[in-house]
N, C-alpha and C. Protein backbone atom coordinates (compact mmCIF):
# COMPACT_ATOMS: atom_id res chain seq x y z
N MET A 1 2.84 -74.17 -75.14
CA MET A 1 4.37 -75.38 -75.27
C MET A 1 5.65 -74.19 -75.24
N ASN A 2 5.17 -72.88 -75.24
CA ASN A 2 6.43 -72.43 -75.19
C ASN A 2 6.79 -71.90 -73.62
N ALA A 3 5.54 -72.07 -72.69
CA ALA A 3 6.09 -72.24 -71.37
C ALA A 3 6.77 -73.10 -70.85
N LEU A 4 6.18 -74.39 -71.31
CA LEU A 4 6.63 -75.58 -71.24
C LEU A 4 8.16 -75.61 -71.61
N GLU A 5 8.15 -75.26 -72.62
CA GLU A 5 9.65 -75.79 -72.93
C GLU A 5 10.91 -74.37 -72.52
N ALA A 6 10.33 -73.20 -71.99
CA ALA A 6 11.06 -72.29 -70.98
C ALA A 6 11.11 -73.22 -69.77
N SER A 7 10.38 -73.88 -69.11
CA SER A 7 10.49 -74.39 -68.29
C SER A 7 11.27 -75.69 -67.79
N ILE A 8 11.59 -76.96 -69.15
CA ILE A 8 12.36 -77.34 -69.51
C ILE A 8 13.74 -77.17 -69.26
N LYS A 9 14.22 -75.96 -70.25
CA LYS A 9 15.47 -75.70 -70.55
C LYS A 9 16.00 -74.76 -69.14
N THR A 10 15.21 -73.77 -68.55
CA THR A 10 15.58 -72.95 -67.68
C THR A 10 14.96 -73.41 -65.86
N GLY A 11 14.77 -74.25 -66.02
CA GLY A 11 14.19 -74.59 -64.51
C GLY A 11 13.28 -74.14 -63.85
N VAL A 12 12.49 -72.75 -64.66
CA VAL A 12 11.58 -72.03 -64.13
C VAL A 12 10.39 -72.42 -63.80
N ALA A 13 9.66 -72.44 -62.96
CA ALA A 13 8.36 -73.31 -62.41
C ALA A 13 7.32 -73.15 -63.60
N PHE A 14 6.59 -73.99 -64.16
CA PHE A 14 6.04 -74.07 -64.80
C PHE A 14 4.45 -73.79 -64.19
N THR A 15 3.70 -72.69 -64.41
CA THR A 15 2.67 -72.06 -64.06
C THR A 15 1.23 -72.29 -64.81
N LYS A 16 1.32 -72.89 -65.80
CA LYS A 16 0.19 -73.24 -66.76
C LYS A 16 -0.66 -74.16 -66.58
N ALA A 17 -1.83 -74.66 -66.67
CA ALA A 17 -2.89 -75.34 -66.24
C ALA A 17 -2.46 -76.91 -66.54
N LEU A 18 -2.16 -77.73 -65.78
CA LEU A 18 -1.95 -78.93 -66.10
C LEU A 18 -2.96 -79.95 -66.44
N ASN A 19 -4.12 -79.68 -65.74
CA ASN A 19 -5.54 -79.97 -65.99
C ASN A 19 -6.22 -79.59 -67.28
N PRO A 20 -6.21 -80.54 -68.61
CA PRO A 20 -7.16 -79.90 -69.57
C PRO A 20 -8.50 -79.42 -69.55
N ASP A 21 -8.86 -79.46 -68.44
CA ASP A 21 -10.55 -79.03 -68.24
C ASP A 21 -10.36 -77.65 -67.18
N GLN A 22 -9.08 -77.16 -66.77
CA GLN A 22 -8.69 -76.10 -66.27
C GLN A 22 -7.98 -75.02 -67.07
N CYS A 23 -7.66 -75.03 -68.25
CA CYS A 23 -7.11 -73.87 -69.06
C CYS A 23 -8.12 -73.32 -69.79
N ALA A 24 -7.76 -71.95 -70.40
CA ALA A 24 -9.02 -71.31 -71.04
C ALA A 24 -9.87 -71.72 -71.82
N PHE A 25 -8.75 -72.71 -72.99
CA PHE A 25 -9.72 -73.50 -74.33
C PHE A 25 -10.30 -74.22 -73.38
N GLY A 26 -10.04 -75.00 -72.47
CA GLY A 26 -10.76 -76.44 -71.63
C GLY A 26 -11.87 -75.85 -71.40
N LYS A 27 -12.10 -74.85 -70.53
CA LYS A 27 -13.10 -74.28 -69.91
C LYS A 27 -13.93 -73.94 -70.55
N TRP A 28 -13.57 -73.02 -72.49
CA TRP A 28 -14.76 -72.85 -73.36
C TRP A 28 -15.01 -74.08 -73.77
N TYR A 29 -14.06 -74.96 -74.02
CA TYR A 29 -14.42 -76.52 -74.64
C TYR A 29 -15.45 -77.06 -74.00
N ASN A 30 -15.47 -77.30 -72.84
CA ASN A 30 -16.52 -78.04 -71.97
C ASN A 30 -17.60 -77.32 -72.02
N LYS A 31 -17.90 -75.89 -72.10
CA LYS A 31 -19.18 -75.05 -71.96
C LYS A 31 -20.12 -75.02 -73.39
N PHE A 32 -18.63 -75.24 -74.52
CA PHE A 32 -19.63 -74.90 -75.77
C PHE A 32 -20.56 -75.50 -76.24
N GLU A 33 -21.77 -75.60 -77.02
CA GLU A 33 -22.83 -76.14 -77.83
C GLU A 33 -22.79 -75.54 -78.74
N THR A 34 -23.22 -76.37 -80.11
CA THR A 34 -23.80 -75.91 -81.22
C THR A 34 -24.62 -76.74 -82.03
N ARG A 35 -25.42 -76.57 -82.79
CA ARG A 35 -26.40 -77.26 -83.36
C ARG A 35 -25.73 -77.67 -84.78
N ASP A 36 -24.83 -77.11 -85.14
CA ASP A 36 -23.96 -77.30 -85.97
C ASP A 36 -23.32 -78.77 -86.05
N GLU A 37 -24.02 -79.80 -86.89
CA GLU A 37 -23.20 -81.47 -86.61
C GLU A 37 -21.51 -81.48 -87.02
N THR A 38 -21.24 -80.73 -88.13
CA THR A 38 -20.23 -80.91 -88.75
C THR A 38 -19.26 -80.23 -87.65
N LEU A 39 -19.42 -78.79 -87.14
CA LEU A 39 -18.70 -78.32 -86.18
C LEU A 39 -18.63 -79.11 -84.99
N ARG A 40 -19.70 -79.70 -84.74
CA ARG A 40 -19.95 -80.65 -83.79
C ARG A 40 -18.80 -81.89 -83.33
N ASP A 41 -18.54 -82.31 -84.79
CA ASP A 41 -17.69 -83.33 -84.98
C ASP A 41 -15.84 -82.58 -85.13
N VAL A 42 -15.91 -81.49 -85.63
CA VAL A 42 -14.55 -81.10 -85.79
C VAL A 42 -14.22 -80.87 -84.45
N LEU A 43 -15.01 -80.45 -83.58
CA LEU A 43 -14.79 -79.95 -82.12
C LEU A 43 -14.56 -81.11 -81.56
N ALA A 44 -15.19 -82.39 -81.38
CA ALA A 44 -15.22 -83.55 -80.80
C ALA A 44 -13.71 -83.97 -81.09
N ALA A 45 -12.92 -83.59 -82.40
CA ALA A 45 -11.79 -84.25 -82.49
C ALA A 45 -10.64 -83.69 -81.53
N PHE A 46 -10.93 -82.27 -80.95
CA PHE A 46 -9.92 -81.90 -80.05
C PHE A 46 -9.62 -82.57 -78.94
N ASP A 47 -10.43 -82.95 -78.42
CA ASP A 47 -10.61 -83.91 -76.91
C ASP A 47 -9.14 -84.29 -76.96
N THR A 48 -8.88 -85.31 -77.89
CA THR A 48 -7.74 -86.51 -77.50
C THR A 48 -6.50 -85.37 -77.72
N PRO A 49 -5.88 -84.66 -78.56
CA PRO A 49 -4.94 -84.12 -78.72
C PRO A 49 -4.61 -83.22 -77.72
N HIS A 50 -5.95 -82.12 -77.41
CA HIS A 50 -5.87 -81.32 -76.01
C HIS A 50 -5.70 -81.99 -74.86
N ARG A 51 -5.87 -83.18 -74.44
CA ARG A 51 -5.54 -83.87 -73.48
C ARG A 51 -4.16 -84.65 -73.53
N ALA A 52 -3.54 -84.57 -75.05
CA ALA A 52 -2.47 -85.58 -75.04
C ALA A 52 -1.36 -84.18 -74.45
N ILE A 53 -1.68 -82.98 -75.27
CA ILE A 53 -0.48 -81.59 -74.81
C ILE A 53 -0.22 -81.61 -73.08
N HIS A 54 -1.46 -81.87 -72.60
CA HIS A 54 -1.42 -81.49 -71.24
C HIS A 54 -1.07 -82.77 -70.35
N ALA A 55 -0.96 -83.82 -70.87
CA ALA A 55 -0.63 -85.11 -69.94
C ALA A 55 1.07 -84.84 -70.54
N LEU A 56 1.45 -84.44 -71.47
CA LEU A 56 2.75 -84.11 -72.07
C LEU A 56 3.70 -83.18 -70.74
N ALA A 57 3.19 -82.17 -70.76
CA ALA A 57 3.54 -81.56 -69.50
C ALA A 57 4.01 -81.93 -68.22
N ASP A 58 3.10 -83.09 -67.82
CA ASP A 58 3.20 -83.75 -66.50
C ASP A 58 5.01 -84.50 -66.87
N LYS A 59 4.74 -85.41 -68.09
CA LYS A 59 5.47 -86.35 -68.24
C LYS A 59 7.07 -85.21 -68.65
N LEU A 60 6.93 -84.77 -69.39
CA LEU A 60 8.46 -83.89 -69.52
C LEU A 60 9.01 -83.21 -68.42
N LEU A 61 8.23 -82.75 -67.23
CA LEU A 61 8.41 -81.76 -66.25
C LEU A 61 9.38 -83.05 -65.57
N THR A 62 8.90 -84.34 -65.45
CA THR A 62 9.49 -85.19 -64.69
C THR A 62 10.81 -85.85 -65.24
N LEU A 63 10.66 -85.85 -66.55
CA LEU A 63 12.26 -85.63 -67.10
C LEU A 63 13.02 -84.77 -66.94
N ARG A 64 12.83 -83.81 -66.98
CA ARG A 64 13.55 -82.67 -66.56
C ARG A 64 14.16 -82.80 -64.79
N ASP A 65 13.24 -83.09 -64.47
CA ASP A 65 13.32 -83.00 -62.91
C ASP A 65 14.59 -84.30 -62.92
N ASN A 66 14.23 -85.03 -63.75
CA ASN A 66 15.75 -86.44 -63.40
C ASN A 66 16.65 -86.41 -64.21
N ASP A 67 16.85 -84.93 -64.55
CA ASP A 67 18.49 -84.47 -65.26
C ASP A 67 18.38 -85.05 -66.99
N GLN A 68 16.98 -85.18 -67.54
CA GLN A 68 16.66 -85.98 -68.80
C GLN A 68 16.51 -84.71 -69.67
N GLU A 69 16.98 -84.01 -69.67
CA GLU A 69 16.49 -82.29 -70.22
C GLU A 69 16.51 -82.66 -71.86
N SER A 70 17.53 -83.30 -72.21
CA SER A 70 17.75 -83.29 -74.01
C SER A 70 16.37 -84.30 -74.14
N GLU A 71 16.15 -85.67 -73.43
CA GLU A 71 15.19 -86.14 -73.87
C GLU A 71 13.70 -85.48 -74.09
N ALA A 72 13.72 -84.91 -72.60
CA ALA A 72 12.19 -84.06 -73.01
C ALA A 72 12.11 -83.29 -74.18
N LEU A 73 13.13 -82.47 -74.34
CA LEU A 73 13.12 -81.43 -75.43
C LEU A 73 13.03 -82.02 -76.98
N GLU A 74 13.57 -83.47 -77.00
CA GLU A 74 13.26 -84.15 -78.08
C GLU A 74 11.65 -84.39 -78.19
N ILE A 75 11.02 -85.17 -77.32
CA ILE A 75 9.83 -85.32 -77.51
C ILE A 75 8.86 -84.27 -77.37
N LEU A 76 9.29 -82.68 -76.78
CA LEU A 76 8.56 -81.90 -77.21
C LEU A 76 8.66 -81.53 -78.80
N ALA A 77 9.62 -81.53 -79.17
CA ALA A 77 9.88 -81.18 -80.62
C ALA A 77 8.77 -82.05 -81.73
N HIS A 78 9.07 -83.31 -80.97
CA HIS A 78 8.00 -84.40 -81.74
C HIS A 78 6.61 -84.18 -81.49
N GLU A 79 6.51 -83.86 -80.50
CA GLU A 79 4.96 -83.17 -79.82
C GLU A 79 4.60 -81.83 -81.17
N ARG A 80 5.23 -81.38 -80.84
CA ARG A 80 5.05 -79.82 -81.75
C ARG A 80 4.95 -80.28 -83.10
N ALA A 81 5.63 -81.03 -83.72
CA ALA A 81 5.23 -81.44 -85.25
C ALA A 81 4.06 -82.40 -85.31
N THR A 82 3.68 -82.92 -84.24
CA THR A 82 2.45 -84.00 -84.33
C THR A 82 1.39 -83.51 -83.50
N THR A 83 1.31 -83.55 -82.68
CA THR A 83 -0.10 -82.96 -81.76
C THR A 83 -0.46 -81.55 -82.01
N LEU A 84 0.76 -80.66 -81.81
CA LEU A 84 0.20 -79.46 -81.75
C LEU A 84 -0.26 -79.33 -83.53
N ARG A 85 0.53 -80.12 -84.13
CA ARG A 85 0.35 -79.33 -85.81
C ARG A 85 -1.15 -79.80 -85.94
N ARG A 86 -1.31 -80.95 -85.20
CA ARG A 86 -2.92 -81.47 -85.42
C ARG A 86 -4.21 -80.57 -84.86
N LEU A 87 -3.56 -80.02 -83.65
CA LEU A 87 -4.50 -78.74 -83.24
C LEU A 87 -5.05 -77.64 -83.88
N ARG A 88 -3.39 -77.63 -84.55
CA ARG A 88 -3.46 -76.25 -85.73
C ARG A 88 -4.44 -76.46 -86.58
N ALA A 89 -4.38 -77.40 -86.98
CA ALA A 89 -5.22 -78.11 -88.51
C ALA A 89 -6.53 -78.14 -87.78
N LEU A 90 -6.96 -78.59 -86.95
CA LEU A 90 -8.49 -78.98 -86.14
C LEU A 90 -8.85 -77.12 -85.97
N PHE A 91 -7.99 -76.24 -85.80
CA PHE A 91 -8.78 -74.89 -85.79
C PHE A 91 -9.15 -73.98 -86.91
N VAL A 92 -8.34 -74.68 -88.11
CA VAL A 92 -8.67 -74.26 -89.48
C VAL A 92 -9.67 -75.04 -89.87
N ARG A 93 -10.08 -76.02 -89.57
CA ARG A 93 -10.97 -76.74 -90.09
C ARG A 93 -12.18 -76.01 -88.90
N ALA A 94 -12.10 -75.94 -87.87
CA ALA A 94 -13.40 -75.42 -87.01
C ALA A 94 -13.52 -73.95 -87.79
N ARG A 95 -12.60 -73.31 -87.69
CA ARG A 95 -12.81 -71.95 -88.30
C ARG A 95 -13.84 -71.78 -89.99
N ASP A 96 -12.85 -72.69 -90.60
CA ASP A 96 -13.63 -73.21 -92.22
C ASP A 96 -14.83 -73.52 -92.15
N GLN A 97 -15.75 -74.34 -91.03
CA GLN A 97 -16.98 -74.89 -91.05
C GLN A 97 -17.82 -73.40 -90.44
N ILE A 98 -17.33 -72.69 -89.42
CA ILE A 98 -17.91 -71.74 -88.74
C ILE A 98 -18.24 -70.82 -90.31
N GLU A 99 -17.29 -70.39 -90.82
CA GLU A 99 -17.48 -69.06 -92.04
C GLU A 99 -18.41 -70.14 -92.92
N SER A 100 -18.47 -71.28 -93.75
CA SER A 100 -19.25 -71.68 -94.41
C SER A 100 -20.54 -71.94 -94.30
N GLY A 101 -20.94 -71.78 -92.55
CA GLY A 101 -21.96 -72.15 -91.96
C GLY A 101 -23.14 -70.41 -92.15
N MET A 102 -22.05 -69.27 -92.35
CA MET A 102 -22.92 -68.34 -92.35
C MET A 102 -22.65 -68.25 -94.10
N ARG A 103 -24.33 -67.87 -94.15
CA ARG A 103 -24.99 -68.22 -95.82
C ARG A 103 -25.88 -66.86 -95.95
N GLN A 104 -25.74 -66.27 -96.64
CA GLN A 104 -26.55 -65.15 -97.43
C GLN A 104 -27.84 -65.55 -97.84
N VAL A 105 -28.65 -64.93 -97.41
CA VAL A 105 -30.44 -65.48 -97.87
C VAL A 105 -30.68 -64.74 -98.76
N LEU A 106 -31.82 -64.98 -99.49
CA LEU A 106 -32.54 -64.10 -100.53
C LEU A 106 -33.77 -64.00 -100.02
N LEU A 107 -34.15 -63.01 -99.59
CA LEU A 107 -35.62 -62.70 -99.35
C LEU A 107 -36.40 -61.97 -100.37
N TYR A 108 -37.41 -62.58 -100.66
CA TYR A 108 -38.36 -62.29 -101.89
C TYR A 108 -39.56 -61.54 -101.65
N VAL A 109 -39.50 -60.63 -102.31
CA VAL A 109 -40.84 -59.82 -101.90
C VAL A 109 -41.79 -59.73 -103.03
N THR A 110 -43.16 -60.40 -102.87
CA THR A 110 -44.14 -60.46 -103.85
C THR A 110 -45.20 -59.70 -103.60
N LEU A 111 -46.12 -59.25 -104.42
CA LEU A 111 -47.06 -58.42 -104.49
C LEU A 111 -48.31 -59.38 -104.40
N ASP A 112 -48.45 -61.00 -104.71
CA ASP A 112 -49.48 -61.65 -104.79
C ASP A 112 -49.16 -62.89 -103.77
N GLY A 113 -47.77 -62.77 -103.05
CA GLY A 113 -47.81 -63.52 -102.14
C GLY A 113 -47.21 -65.00 -103.02
N LYS A 114 -46.65 -65.16 -104.52
CA LYS A 114 -46.13 -66.10 -105.12
C LYS A 114 -45.05 -65.51 -105.76
N THR A 115 -45.49 -64.70 -106.72
CA THR A 115 -44.51 -64.08 -107.69
C THR A 115 -43.72 -63.42 -107.22
N PRO A 116 -42.25 -63.61 -107.14
CA PRO A 116 -41.39 -62.58 -106.59
C PRO A 116 -41.15 -61.51 -107.86
N ARG A 117 -41.12 -60.30 -106.95
CA ARG A 117 -41.05 -59.08 -107.84
C ARG A 117 -39.38 -58.47 -107.16
N TYR A 118 -38.97 -58.65 -106.19
CA TYR A 118 -37.58 -58.23 -105.61
C TYR A 118 -37.39 -59.22 -104.74
N ALA A 119 -35.89 -59.35 -104.68
CA ALA A 119 -34.91 -59.87 -103.92
C ALA A 119 -34.24 -59.11 -103.11
N LEU A 120 -33.96 -59.36 -101.96
CA LEU A 120 -33.42 -58.91 -100.66
C LEU A 120 -32.53 -59.75 -100.48
N LEU A 121 -30.61 -59.18 -100.41
CA LEU A 121 -30.08 -60.31 -100.19
C LEU A 121 -29.71 -59.82 -98.62
N ILE A 122 -29.73 -61.04 -97.91
CA ILE A 122 -29.52 -60.50 -96.29
C ILE A 122 -28.13 -61.48 -96.03
N ASP A 123 -27.26 -60.35 -95.45
CA ASP A 123 -26.22 -61.20 -94.70
C ASP A 123 -26.34 -62.07 -93.49
N GLU A 124 -27.38 -61.31 -92.45
CA GLU A 124 -27.83 -62.13 -91.30
C GLU A 124 -29.07 -61.55 -90.74
N ILE A 125 -29.71 -62.67 -89.84
CA ILE A 125 -30.92 -62.07 -89.64
C ILE A 125 -30.80 -62.29 -87.99
N ASN A 126 -30.81 -61.18 -87.37
CA ASN A 126 -30.76 -60.83 -85.59
C ASN A 126 -31.61 -61.34 -84.77
N ASP A 127 -32.78 -60.66 -85.15
CA ASP A 127 -34.22 -61.34 -84.74
C ASP A 127 -35.42 -60.74 -85.53
N VAL A 128 -36.76 -61.09 -85.04
CA VAL A 128 -37.88 -61.05 -86.00
C VAL A 128 -38.94 -59.73 -84.74
N ILE A 129 -39.11 -58.88 -84.99
CA ILE A 129 -39.81 -58.06 -84.55
C ILE A 129 -41.42 -57.98 -85.22
N ASN A 130 -42.18 -57.67 -84.21
CA ASN A 130 -43.61 -57.04 -84.70
C ASN A 130 -43.97 -55.95 -84.21
N TYR A 131 -44.17 -55.43 -85.11
CA TYR A 131 -44.84 -53.77 -84.67
C TYR A 131 -46.41 -53.78 -85.03
N SER A 132 -47.17 -53.02 -84.47
CA SER A 132 -48.38 -52.73 -85.04
C SER A 132 -48.71 -51.44 -85.65
N SER A 133 -49.71 -51.17 -86.28
CA SER A 133 -49.73 -49.90 -87.06
C SER A 133 -49.98 -48.79 -86.32
N SER A 134 -50.15 -48.75 -84.72
CA SER A 134 -49.87 -47.63 -84.14
C SER A 134 -48.84 -47.33 -83.64
N ASP A 135 -47.37 -48.22 -84.01
CA ASP A 135 -46.41 -47.82 -83.48
C ASP A 135 -45.78 -47.38 -84.83
N PHE A 136 -46.51 -46.91 -85.73
CA PHE A 136 -45.74 -46.17 -87.25
C PHE A 136 -45.91 -44.84 -86.96
N GLN A 137 -44.84 -44.25 -87.73
CA GLN A 137 -44.72 -42.72 -87.53
C GLN A 137 -44.29 -42.63 -89.13
N SER A 138 -44.89 -41.05 -89.61
CA SER A 138 -44.80 -40.90 -90.71
C SER A 138 -43.27 -40.62 -91.15
N SER A 139 -42.87 -40.37 -92.18
CA SER A 139 -41.65 -39.46 -92.48
C SER A 139 -41.48 -38.30 -92.50
N ASN A 140 -42.89 -37.59 -93.09
CA ASN A 140 -42.96 -36.06 -92.66
C ASN A 140 -43.13 -35.67 -91.20
N SER A 141 -42.86 -36.59 -90.40
CA SER A 141 -42.73 -35.81 -88.73
C SER A 141 -41.59 -36.14 -88.11
N GLY A 142 -41.53 -35.93 -87.41
CA GLY A 142 -40.36 -36.06 -86.33
C GLY A 142 -39.10 -36.02 -86.79
N ALA A 143 -38.12 -36.72 -86.21
CA ALA A 143 -36.75 -36.81 -86.69
C ALA A 143 -36.53 -36.82 -88.03
N LEU A 144 -37.16 -37.98 -88.39
CA LEU A 144 -37.04 -38.38 -90.23
C LEU A 144 -37.59 -37.45 -90.97
N SER A 145 -38.15 -36.17 -90.86
CA SER A 145 -38.37 -35.08 -91.68
C SER A 145 -37.19 -34.42 -92.01
N LEU A 146 -35.93 -34.81 -91.02
CA LEU A 146 -34.80 -34.18 -91.72
C LEU A 146 -33.89 -34.91 -92.76
N ILE A 147 -34.22 -36.45 -93.02
CA ILE A 147 -33.61 -36.77 -94.04
C ILE A 147 -34.26 -36.62 -95.17
N GLN A 148 -33.31 -36.10 -96.00
CA GLN A 148 -33.82 -35.75 -97.45
C GLN A 148 -33.75 -36.43 -98.73
N LYS A 149 -32.30 -37.12 -98.50
CA LYS A 149 -31.89 -38.16 -99.79
C LYS A 149 -32.72 -39.27 -100.07
N ILE A 150 -33.30 -39.91 -98.68
CA ILE A 150 -34.08 -41.13 -99.19
C ILE A 150 -35.39 -40.88 -99.04
N GLU A 151 -36.20 -39.82 -98.78
CA GLU A 151 -37.13 -39.42 -98.48
C GLU A 151 -38.20 -39.93 -99.42
N HIS A 152 -37.71 -40.33 -100.88
CA HIS A 152 -38.74 -40.64 -101.79
C HIS A 152 -38.82 -42.17 -101.65
N VAL A 153 -38.32 -42.98 -100.77
CA VAL A 153 -38.36 -44.62 -100.55
C VAL A 153 -38.69 -44.71 -99.47
N LEU A 154 -38.22 -43.72 -98.35
CA LEU A 154 -38.59 -44.02 -96.70
C LEU A 154 -39.78 -43.48 -96.54
N GLU A 155 -40.92 -44.39 -96.43
CA GLU A 155 -42.07 -44.15 -95.89
C GLU A 155 -42.54 -44.00 -94.24
N GLY A 156 -41.62 -44.41 -93.28
CA GLY A 156 -41.74 -44.05 -92.20
C GLY A 156 -41.11 -44.59 -91.16
N ILE A 157 -41.21 -44.78 -90.14
CA ILE A 157 -40.32 -45.41 -88.86
C ILE A 157 -41.22 -46.35 -88.09
N TYR A 158 -41.28 -47.34 -87.52
CA TYR A 158 -41.76 -48.19 -86.52
C TYR A 158 -41.12 -47.56 -85.34
N THR A 159 -41.48 -47.57 -84.40
CA THR A 159 -41.04 -47.41 -82.90
C THR A 159 -41.97 -47.32 -81.43
N ARG A 160 -41.20 -48.22 -80.57
CA ARG A 160 -41.53 -48.45 -79.38
C ARG A 160 -40.45 -48.65 -78.52
N ASN A 161 -41.16 -47.88 -77.64
CA ASN A 161 -39.84 -47.96 -76.37
C ASN A 161 -39.33 -49.04 -75.96
N ASP A 162 -39.93 -50.08 -76.06
CA ASP A 162 -38.97 -51.39 -75.72
C ASP A 162 -38.47 -52.39 -76.58
N LEU A 163 -38.40 -51.65 -78.02
CA LEU A 163 -38.03 -52.15 -78.93
C LEU A 163 -37.01 -51.65 -79.60
N PRO A 164 -35.93 -51.79 -80.77
CA PRO A 164 -35.31 -50.94 -81.68
C PRO A 164 -36.12 -50.46 -82.82
N ASP A 165 -35.96 -49.39 -83.40
CA ASP A 165 -36.84 -48.63 -84.41
C ASP A 165 -36.33 -49.20 -85.82
N CYS A 166 -37.27 -49.38 -86.77
CA CYS A 166 -37.49 -50.07 -87.75
C CYS A 166 -38.01 -49.30 -88.66
N LEU A 167 -36.96 -49.01 -89.97
CA LEU A 167 -37.62 -47.84 -90.86
C LEU A 167 -38.11 -48.87 -91.97
N TYR A 168 -39.34 -48.27 -92.40
CA TYR A 168 -40.15 -48.52 -93.37
C TYR A 168 -39.64 -48.09 -94.75
N PHE A 169 -39.27 -48.63 -95.58
CA PHE A 169 -38.82 -48.31 -96.84
C PHE A 169 -40.17 -48.82 -97.95
N ASP A 170 -40.65 -48.10 -98.83
CA ASP A 170 -41.46 -48.49 -100.22
C ASP A 170 -40.90 -48.95 -101.03
N ILE A 171 -40.57 -50.30 -101.33
CA ILE A 171 -39.72 -51.40 -101.95
C ILE A 171 -40.11 -50.68 -103.58
N ASN A 172 -41.37 -50.67 -103.74
CA ASN A 172 -41.70 -50.28 -104.96
C ASN A 172 -41.03 -48.74 -105.81
N LYS A 173 -40.72 -47.85 -104.62
CA LYS A 173 -39.96 -46.70 -105.17
C LYS A 173 -38.44 -46.77 -105.14
N MET A 174 -38.04 -47.73 -104.55
CA MET A 174 -36.42 -48.21 -104.54
C MET A 174 -36.03 -48.46 -105.79
N THR A 175 -36.97 -49.46 -106.58
CA THR A 175 -36.68 -49.65 -108.00
C THR A 175 -38.16 -50.13 -108.61
N ASP A 176 -38.50 -49.19 -109.17
CA ASP A 176 -39.89 -49.09 -110.21
C ASP A 176 -39.61 -50.01 -111.22
N ILE A 177 -39.79 -50.95 -111.51
CA ILE A 177 -39.85 -52.12 -112.36
C ILE A 177 -40.43 -51.73 -113.79
N ASP A 178 -41.31 -51.14 -113.90
CA ASP A 178 -42.41 -50.64 -114.83
C ASP A 178 -41.33 -49.44 -115.71
N GLN A 179 -40.83 -48.45 -114.58
CA GLN A 179 -39.84 -47.60 -115.19
C GLN A 179 -38.56 -47.90 -115.37
N LEU A 180 -38.03 -48.98 -115.06
CA LEU A 180 -36.69 -49.71 -115.54
C LEU A 180 -36.72 -50.64 -116.71
N MET A 181 -38.20 -50.95 -116.98
CA MET A 181 -38.31 -51.52 -117.99
C MET A 181 -38.45 -50.84 -119.23
N ALA A 182 -39.21 -49.59 -119.04
CA ALA A 182 -39.44 -48.85 -120.24
C ALA A 182 -37.92 -47.87 -120.38
N LYS A 183 -37.10 -48.21 -119.65
CA LYS A 183 -36.22 -47.37 -120.04
C LYS A 183 -35.25 -48.64 -120.83
N VAL A 184 -35.42 -49.79 -120.63
CA VAL A 184 -34.57 -50.92 -121.30
C VAL A 184 -35.23 -51.35 -122.47
N SER A 185 -36.42 -51.13 -122.62
CA SER A 185 -36.96 -51.40 -124.19
C SER A 185 -36.89 -50.60 -125.33
């Protein structure tokens, strides 16, 4: 809208996209997909005001070309206060929905498959990878033998050339519940 205002005031050529499907946002918007239904609804609300902003450029440039600069600037000011404000509010809603969609998860570790013994708070799971026992390397060998501070909990590492390494910690050594309970009692 700033470029449009400058074009109206100075007569400089307006070089931004007039077609809402050709601007950077429009190209992104037309390709973006999400499984989040609420976010999808928020994004759908962008279409009308986004298209209105682009249609506005044609109208205001025509007014400018017909020596109606002040009327064009009045309409632009009104659209900034209404349509652009609506778009900004939609961006806030979209950002809030994205942030609220990111949830931490508790992963319970059990000894018997039923009774939680520990809970790990996980911010994000990027991938699930399966390793076989032949991929395991003891912490007493290789580069892991250099790690002194965590050797009491680090059992080893799973390594494969085609996958990221995965450290294997003995969770029982991380928090020995019996030892902790003895201290509290």
